Amino acid sequence: MGNTTPKEYEIDINPLSINGAWVGRRFKTPKYKKWTEYMLWLLKSVKPQEKPYRIEIDLYIAMLMDIDNPIKPILDTLTKSGVIEDDRYIEKLTIRKIVSKDKKIVIRFT
């Protein structure tokens, strides 16, 4: 069931808070569009993963933010890139926030 060997991907991009992603309920901000475009480019070499998905995400951020704010943009981009089929197939999601000067996201499929 799923992957037996963890696959880890370090993505050099600042996690984007959902608060900076939308204007109202329907319109993506220019910042979110640019972030998504860059994230898709960074994910282009990541092969599609087997479902059900078990994902660990480490968020390296310079400031304190709610731990759940960057998750939706990350999962939406993983889906849009084809790395995962849909986030509804995630059976386990573990998030870790690390306050750091380095701004990056580390994603592991376990």
Protein backbone atom coordinates (compact mmCIF):
# COMPACT_ATOMS: atom_id res chain seq x y z
CA MET A 1 0.00 0.00 0.00
CA GLY A 2 1.66 3.23 -1.14
CA ASN A 3 5.39 3.83 -1.13
CA THR A 4 7.66 1.91 1.24
CA THR A 5 10.79 4.04 0.78
CA PRO A 6 10.48 7.73 1.63
CA LYS A 7 11.02 10.08 -1.30
CA GLU A 8 12.21 13.50 -0.20
CA TYR A 9 12.11 16.73 -2.17
CA GLU A 10 13.63 19.98 -0.96
CA ILE A 11 12.00 22.97 -2.62
CA ASP A 12 13.72 26.33 -2.31
CA ILE A 13 10.66 28.53 -2.07
CA ASN A 14 9.17 30.53 0.77
CA PRO A 15 5.94 28.89 2.00
CA LEU A 16 3.01 31.10 1.00
CA SER A 17 0.26 31.74 3.53
CA ILE A 18 -3.29 31.19 2.32
CA ASN A 19 -3.95 34.71 3.61
CA GLY A 20 -1.77 36.08 0.79
CA ALA A 21 -3.24 33.80 -1.87
CA TRP A 22 -6.77 35.08 -2.39
CA VAL A 23 -8.67 38.32 -2.76
CA GLY A 24 -12.11 37.58 -1.43
CA ARG A 25 -13.14 33.98 -2.05
CA ARG A 26 -12.64 33.74 -5.79
CA PHE A 27 -9.62 35.63 -7.08
CA LYS A 28 -6.01 34.54 -6.83
CA THR A 29 -3.58 37.32 -5.98
CA PRO A 30 -0.70 38.09 -8.37
CA LYS A 31 1.63 36.89 -5.59
CA TYR A 32 -0.15 33.51 -5.48
CA LYS A 33 -0.07 33.17 -9.28
CA LYS A 34 3.66 33.90 -9.35
CA TRP A 35 4.31 31.53 -6.41
CA THR A 36 2.33 28.73 -8.10
CA GLU A 37 4.12 29.22 -11.42
CA TYR A 38 7.53 29.02 -9.73
CA MET A 39 6.51 26.04 -7.58
CA LEU A 40 5.27 24.18 -10.69
CA TRP A 41 8.63 24.83 -12.35
CA LEU A 42 10.45 23.48 -9.28
CA LEU A 43 8.25 20.35 -9.23
CA LYS A 44 8.63 19.50 -12.93
CA SER A 45 11.16 16.71 -12.26
CA VAL A 46 9.09 15.07 -9.48
CA LYS A 47 7.36 11.93 -10.74
CA PRO A 48 3.72 11.17 -9.93
CA GLN A 49 3.36 9.36 -6.61
CA GLU A 50 1.31 6.27 -5.82
CA LYS A 51 -1.89 6.69 -3.84
CA PRO A 52 -3.00 6.59 -1.12
CA TYR A 53 -0.60 9.36 -0.16
CA ARG A 54 1.28 9.68 3.10
CA ILE A 55 3.00 13.03 3.12
CA GLU A 56 5.29 14.80 5.56
CA ILE A 57 5.87 18.50 5.00
CA ASP A 58 8.54 20.57 6.76
CA LEU A 59 7.98 24.31 6.51
CA TYR A 60 11.11 26.40 7.01
CA ILE A 61 9.92 29.92 7.68
CA ALA A 62 11.48 33.10 9.05
CA MET A 63 8.42 34.24 10.95
CA LEU A 64 5.73 32.72 13.03
CA MET A 65 2.62 31.92 11.03
CA ASP A 66 -0.25 29.56 11.63
CA ILE A 67 0.93 26.07 10.72
CA ASP A 68 -2.08 25.40 8.50
CA ASN A 69 -1.92 28.58 6.37
CA PRO A 70 0.65 27.37 3.79
CA ILE A 71 -0.81 23.87 3.39
CA LYS A 72 -3.60 24.51 0.87
CA PRO A 73 -1.34 26.29 -1.66
CA ILE A 74 1.20 23.44 -1.37
CA LEU A 75 -1.38 20.67 -1.81
CA ASP A 76 -3.12 22.50 -4.66
CA THR A 77 0.20 22.88 -6.48
CA LEU A 78 1.14 19.22 -5.92
CA THR A 79 -2.19 18.34 -7.55
CA LYS A 80 -1.84 20.84 -10.41
CA SER A 81 1.68 19.56 -11.14
CA GLY A 82 0.45 15.95 -11.34
CA VAL A 83 2.66 14.81 -8.44
CA ILE A 84 -0.53 13.72 -6.70
CA GLU A 85 -3.87 13.03 -8.37
CA ASP A 86 -5.97 14.80 -5.76
CA ASP A 87 -5.50 15.70 -2.11
CA ARG A 88 -8.61 13.70 -1.23
CA TYR A 89 -6.39 10.60 -1.55
CA ILE A 90 -4.10 11.73 1.28
CA GLU A 91 -4.55 9.32 4.16
CA LYS A 92 -1.87 10.85 6.39
CA LEU A 93 -0.46 14.36 6.43
CA THR A 94 2.19 15.46 8.91
CA ILE A 95 3.25 19.10 9.10
CA ARG A 96 6.29 20.45 10.93
CA LYS A 97 7.11 24.14 11.26
CA ILE A 98 10.76 25.11 11.66
CA VAL A 99 11.59 28.75 12.32
CA SER A 100 14.68 29.39 10.22
CA LYS A 101 16.41 32.01 8.09
CA ASP A 102 16.25 29.46 5.27
CA LYS A 103 12.93 29.65 3.48
CA LYS A 104 12.06 26.32 1.96
CA ILE A 105 9.65 23.41 1.92
CA VAL A 106 10.71 19.80 2.34
CA ILE A 107 8.16 17.23 1.17
CA ARG A 108 8.47 13.51 1.90
CA PHE A 109 6.25 10.78 0.52
CA THR A 110 6.40 7.84 2.93
